[in-house]
Amino acid sequence: MLATKKKQAVIKKHQKHEKDTGSSQVQVAILSTQIDELAKHLKKHKKDNHSRRGLIKMVADRRTHLKYLMRKDKAAYDEIMKKMELA
């Protein structure tokens, strides 16, 4: 899990307007940060299969948000892919 301050920093960096906490861009950024942290954990704890399942679910959720963004707003999709260095 992300620490509150780190999560707020990610939200602030990717939000569209001041009160934006749930747009697809913000959710992709949060999920990407969580995925990175969990991947580091799993490199250390190779037999933690419960966390591995959570990682797989997060990756699938992020992929779903990215597909939605690609369909609805290609410019926002390109921007978030570039910012998060996903492609």
N, C-alpha and C. Protein backbone atom coordinates (compact mmCIF):
# COMPACT_ATOMS: atom_id res chain seq x y z
N MET A 1 0.83 -1.18 0.00
CA MET A 1 0.00 0.00 0.00
C MET A 1 0.88 1.24 0.00
N LEU A 2 0.36 2.25 -0.64
CA LEU A 2 1.08 3.52 -0.68
C LEU A 2 0.85 4.30 0.60
N ALA A 3 1.87 4.99 1.03
CA ALA A 3 1.71 5.89 2.16
C ALA A 3 0.85 7.06 1.70
N THR A 4 0.12 7.63 2.62
CA THR A 4 -0.81 8.71 2.30
C THR A 4 -0.12 9.88 1.61
N LYS A 5 1.02 10.30 2.13
CA LYS A 5 1.72 11.44 1.54
C LYS A 5 2.20 11.14 0.12
N LYS A 6 2.66 9.92 -0.10
CA LYS A 6 3.13 9.55 -1.43
C LYS A 6 1.96 9.50 -2.42
N LYS A 7 0.84 8.97 -1.95
CA LYS A 7 -0.35 8.89 -2.79
C LYS A 7 -0.86 10.29 -3.14
N GLN A 8 -0.86 11.19 -2.17
CA GLN A 8 -1.29 12.57 -2.42
C GLN A 8 -0.36 13.25 -3.41
N ALA A 9 0.93 12.98 -3.33
CA ALA A 9 1.89 13.57 -4.27
C ALA A 9 1.62 13.07 -5.69
N VAL A 10 1.32 11.79 -5.83
CA VAL A 10 1.02 11.23 -7.15
C VAL A 10 -0.26 11.85 -7.69
N ILE A 11 -1.27 11.99 -6.85
CA ILE A 11 -2.54 12.60 -7.27
C ILE A 11 -2.30 14.03 -7.72
N LYS A 12 -1.57 14.80 -6.91
CA LYS A 12 -1.32 16.20 -7.24
C LYS A 12 -0.58 16.35 -8.56
N LYS A 13 0.31 15.43 -8.85
CA LYS A 13 1.10 15.50 -10.08
C LYS A 13 0.27 15.22 -11.33
N HIS A 14 -0.76 14.37 -11.20
CA HIS A 14 -1.50 13.91 -12.38
C HIS A 14 -2.94 14.41 -12.47
N GLN A 15 -3.40 15.20 -11.52
CA GLN A 15 -4.80 15.62 -11.55
C GLN A 15 -5.04 16.68 -12.62
N LYS A 16 -6.27 16.72 -13.14
CA LYS A 16 -6.66 17.69 -14.17
C LYS A 16 -6.99 19.04 -13.55
N HIS A 17 -7.67 19.01 -12.41
CA HIS A 17 -8.04 20.23 -11.70
C HIS A 17 -7.85 19.98 -10.21
N GLU A 18 -8.09 20.98 -9.41
CA GLU A 18 -7.77 20.93 -7.98
C GLU A 18 -8.43 19.79 -7.22
N LYS A 19 -9.68 19.48 -7.53
CA LYS A 19 -10.42 18.47 -6.78
C LYS A 19 -10.45 17.11 -7.48
N ASP A 20 -9.66 16.93 -8.51
CA ASP A 20 -9.65 15.69 -9.27
C ASP A 20 -8.85 14.62 -8.52
N THR A 21 -9.54 13.60 -8.04
CA THR A 21 -8.85 12.50 -7.37
C THR A 21 -9.21 11.15 -7.97
N GLY A 22 -10.10 11.11 -8.94
CA GLY A 22 -10.57 9.83 -9.44
C GLY A 22 -10.61 9.69 -10.94
N SER A 23 -10.04 10.62 -11.67
CA SER A 23 -10.05 10.48 -13.13
C SER A 23 -9.18 9.29 -13.52
N SER A 24 -9.35 8.84 -14.73
CA SER A 24 -8.60 7.67 -15.19
C SER A 24 -7.10 7.91 -15.14
N GLN A 25 -6.67 9.12 -15.47
CA GLN A 25 -5.24 9.43 -15.44
C GLN A 25 -4.68 9.28 -14.02
N VAL A 26 -5.41 9.78 -13.04
CA VAL A 26 -4.98 9.69 -11.65
C VAL A 26 -4.97 8.23 -11.20
N GLN A 27 -5.99 7.48 -11.57
CA GLN A 27 -6.06 6.08 -11.17
C GLN A 27 -4.93 5.26 -11.79
N VAL A 28 -4.60 5.54 -13.04
CA VAL A 28 -3.50 4.84 -13.69
C VAL A 28 -2.18 5.17 -12.98
N ALA A 29 -2.00 6.43 -12.61
CA ALA A 29 -0.77 6.84 -11.93
C ALA A 29 -0.65 6.17 -10.56
N ILE A 30 -1.75 6.12 -9.82
CA ILE A 30 -1.73 5.47 -8.50
C ILE A 30 -1.45 3.98 -8.65
N LEU A 31 -2.13 3.34 -9.58
CA LEU A 31 -1.92 1.91 -9.80
C LEU A 31 -0.49 1.62 -10.23
N SER A 32 0.06 2.47 -11.09
CA SER A 32 1.44 2.26 -11.54
C SER A 32 2.42 2.35 -10.38
N THR A 33 2.20 3.31 -9.50
CA THR A 33 3.06 3.47 -8.33
C THR A 33 2.94 2.27 -7.40
N GLN A 34 1.71 1.81 -7.18
CA GLN A 34 1.50 0.63 -6.35
C GLN A 34 2.14 -0.61 -6.97
N ILE A 35 2.02 -0.75 -8.27
CA ILE A 35 2.60 -1.89 -8.97
C ILE A 35 4.11 -1.89 -8.81
N ASP A 36 4.73 -0.73 -8.95
CA ASP A 36 6.18 -0.63 -8.79
C ASP A 36 6.61 -1.06 -7.39
N GLU A 37 5.90 -0.57 -6.37
CA GLU A 37 6.26 -0.93 -5.00
C GLU A 37 6.06 -2.41 -4.72
N LEU A 38 4.96 -2.96 -5.22
CA LEU A 38 4.67 -4.37 -4.99
C LEU A 38 5.66 -5.26 -5.75
N ALA A 39 6.09 -4.83 -6.92
CA ALA A 39 7.08 -5.59 -7.68
C ALA A 39 8.40 -5.66 -6.92
N LYS A 40 8.78 -4.55 -6.29
CA LYS A 40 10.00 -4.55 -5.46
C LYS A 40 9.86 -5.53 -4.30
N HIS A 41 8.68 -5.53 -3.67
CA HIS A 41 8.42 -6.44 -2.56
C HIS A 41 8.53 -7.89 -3.02
N LEU A 42 7.96 -8.19 -4.19
CA LEU A 42 7.95 -9.57 -4.67
C LEU A 42 9.32 -10.05 -5.12
N LYS A 43 10.20 -9.13 -5.50
CA LYS A 43 11.57 -9.54 -5.82
C LYS A 43 12.29 -10.03 -4.57
N LYS A 44 11.93 -9.43 -3.44
CA LYS A 44 12.54 -9.80 -2.17
C LYS A 44 11.89 -11.06 -1.59
N HIS A 45 10.56 -11.14 -1.71
CA HIS A 45 9.78 -12.24 -1.12
C HIS A 45 9.16 -13.06 -2.26
N LYS A 46 9.93 -13.95 -2.82
CA LYS A 46 9.53 -14.69 -4.02
C LYS A 46 8.35 -15.62 -3.81
N LYS A 47 8.13 -16.08 -2.60
CA LYS A 47 7.06 -17.06 -2.36
C LYS A 47 5.76 -16.42 -1.87
N ASP A 48 5.65 -15.11 -1.91
CA ASP A 48 4.45 -14.40 -1.45
C ASP A 48 3.40 -14.41 -2.56
N ASN A 49 2.71 -15.54 -2.68
CA ASN A 49 1.76 -15.72 -3.77
C ASN A 49 0.49 -14.89 -3.60
N HIS A 50 0.11 -14.58 -2.39
CA HIS A 50 -1.08 -13.76 -2.16
C HIS A 50 -0.87 -12.35 -2.70
N SER A 51 0.29 -11.78 -2.45
CA SER A 51 0.59 -10.45 -2.98
C SER A 51 0.76 -10.50 -4.49
N ARG A 52 1.27 -11.61 -5.00
CA ARG A 52 1.42 -11.75 -6.45
C ARG A 52 0.07 -11.70 -7.14
N ARG A 53 -0.94 -12.31 -6.51
CA ARG A 53 -2.29 -12.28 -7.07
C ARG A 53 -2.81 -10.85 -7.09
N GLY A 54 -2.56 -10.10 -6.02
CA GLY A 54 -2.96 -8.70 -5.97
C GLY A 54 -2.27 -7.89 -7.05
N LEU A 55 -1.00 -8.18 -7.31
CA LEU A 55 -0.26 -7.49 -8.36
C LEU A 55 -0.89 -7.75 -9.73
N ILE A 56 -1.25 -8.98 -9.98
CA ILE A 56 -1.87 -9.34 -11.26
C ILE A 56 -3.20 -8.60 -11.43
N LYS A 57 -3.98 -8.50 -10.34
CA LYS A 57 -5.25 -7.78 -10.41
C LYS A 57 -5.03 -6.29 -10.68
N MET A 58 -3.99 -5.72 -10.05
CA MET A 58 -3.70 -4.29 -10.28
C MET A 58 -3.27 -4.04 -11.72
N VAL A 59 -2.46 -4.92 -12.26
CA VAL A 59 -2.02 -4.77 -13.65
C VAL A 59 -3.22 -4.84 -14.59
N ALA A 60 -4.14 -5.77 -14.34
CA ALA A 60 -5.34 -5.90 -15.17
C ALA A 60 -6.22 -4.66 -15.04
N ASP A 61 -6.34 -4.13 -13.83
CA ASP A 61 -7.14 -2.92 -13.60
C ASP A 61 -6.53 -1.73 -14.33
N ARG A 62 -5.21 -1.59 -14.26
CA ARG A 62 -4.54 -0.50 -14.96
C ARG A 62 -4.74 -0.62 -16.46
N ARG A 63 -4.64 -1.86 -16.97
CA ARG A 63 -4.84 -2.08 -18.41
C ARG A 63 -6.25 -1.67 -18.83
N THR A 64 -7.24 -1.97 -17.98
CA THR A 64 -8.62 -1.60 -18.27
C THR A 64 -8.77 -0.08 -18.34
N HIS A 65 -8.18 0.63 -17.37
CA HIS A 65 -8.24 2.10 -17.39
C HIS A 65 -7.55 2.66 -18.62
N LEU A 66 -6.43 2.07 -19.00
CA LEU A 66 -5.71 2.56 -20.18
C LEU A 66 -6.50 2.31 -21.47
N LYS A 67 -7.18 1.18 -21.56
CA LYS A 67 -8.02 0.92 -22.72
C LYS A 67 -9.16 1.94 -22.80
N TYR A 68 -9.75 2.25 -21.65
CA TYR A 68 -10.81 3.26 -21.60
C TYR A 68 -10.28 4.60 -22.09
N LEU A 69 -9.11 5.00 -21.57
CA LEU A 69 -8.53 6.28 -21.98
C LEU A 69 -8.22 6.30 -23.47
N MET A 70 -7.74 5.19 -24.00
CA MET A 70 -7.43 5.14 -25.42
C MET A 70 -8.68 5.35 -26.26
N ARG A 71 -9.79 4.76 -25.81
CA ARG A 71 -11.05 4.91 -26.53
C ARG A 71 -11.62 6.32 -26.43
N LYS A 72 -11.60 6.89 -25.23
CA LYS A 72 -12.28 8.15 -24.97
C LYS A 72 -11.44 9.40 -25.24
N ASP A 73 -10.14 9.34 -24.90
CA ASP A 73 -9.31 10.54 -25.01
C ASP A 73 -7.88 10.12 -25.35
N LYS A 74 -7.60 10.01 -26.64
CA LYS A 74 -6.29 9.54 -27.10
C LYS A 74 -5.16 10.44 -26.63
N ALA A 75 -5.39 11.75 -26.58
CA ALA A 75 -4.35 12.69 -26.14
C ALA A 75 -3.98 12.44 -24.68
N ALA A 76 -4.99 12.23 -23.83
CA ALA A 76 -4.74 11.95 -22.41
C ALA A 76 -4.02 10.61 -22.26
N TYR A 77 -4.38 9.64 -23.08
CA TYR A 77 -3.72 8.33 -23.06
C TYR A 77 -2.24 8.49 -23.39
N ASP A 78 -1.95 9.21 -24.47
CA ASP A 78 -0.56 9.42 -24.87
C ASP A 78 0.23 10.14 -23.79
N GLU A 79 -0.41 11.13 -23.17
CA GLU A 79 0.25 11.91 -22.11
C GLU A 79 0.58 11.05 -20.90
N ILE A 80 -0.37 10.23 -20.44
CA ILE A 80 -0.13 9.41 -19.25
C ILE A 80 0.90 8.32 -19.56
N MET A 81 0.88 7.79 -20.76
CA MET A 81 1.88 6.78 -21.12
C MET A 81 3.28 7.37 -21.10
N LYS A 82 3.38 8.60 -21.55
CA LYS A 82 4.69 9.28 -21.58
C LYS A 82 5.13 9.63 -20.17
N LYS A 83 4.21 10.18 -19.35
CA LYS A 83 4.55 10.57 -17.97
C LYS A 83 4.96 9.39 -17.14
N MET A 84 4.25 8.28 -17.25
CA MET A 84 4.50 7.11 -16.41
C MET A 84 5.54 6.18 -17.03
N GLU A 85 6.01 6.52 -18.23
CA GLU A 85 7.02 5.72 -18.94
C GLU A 85 6.58 4.26 -19.07
N LEU A 86 5.34 4.08 -19.54
CA LEU A 86 4.79 2.74 -19.69
C LEU A 86 5.06 2.14 -21.05
N ALA A 87 5.28 2.99 -22.04
CA ALA A 87 5.51 2.46 -23.40
C ALA A 87 6.91 2.73 -23.88
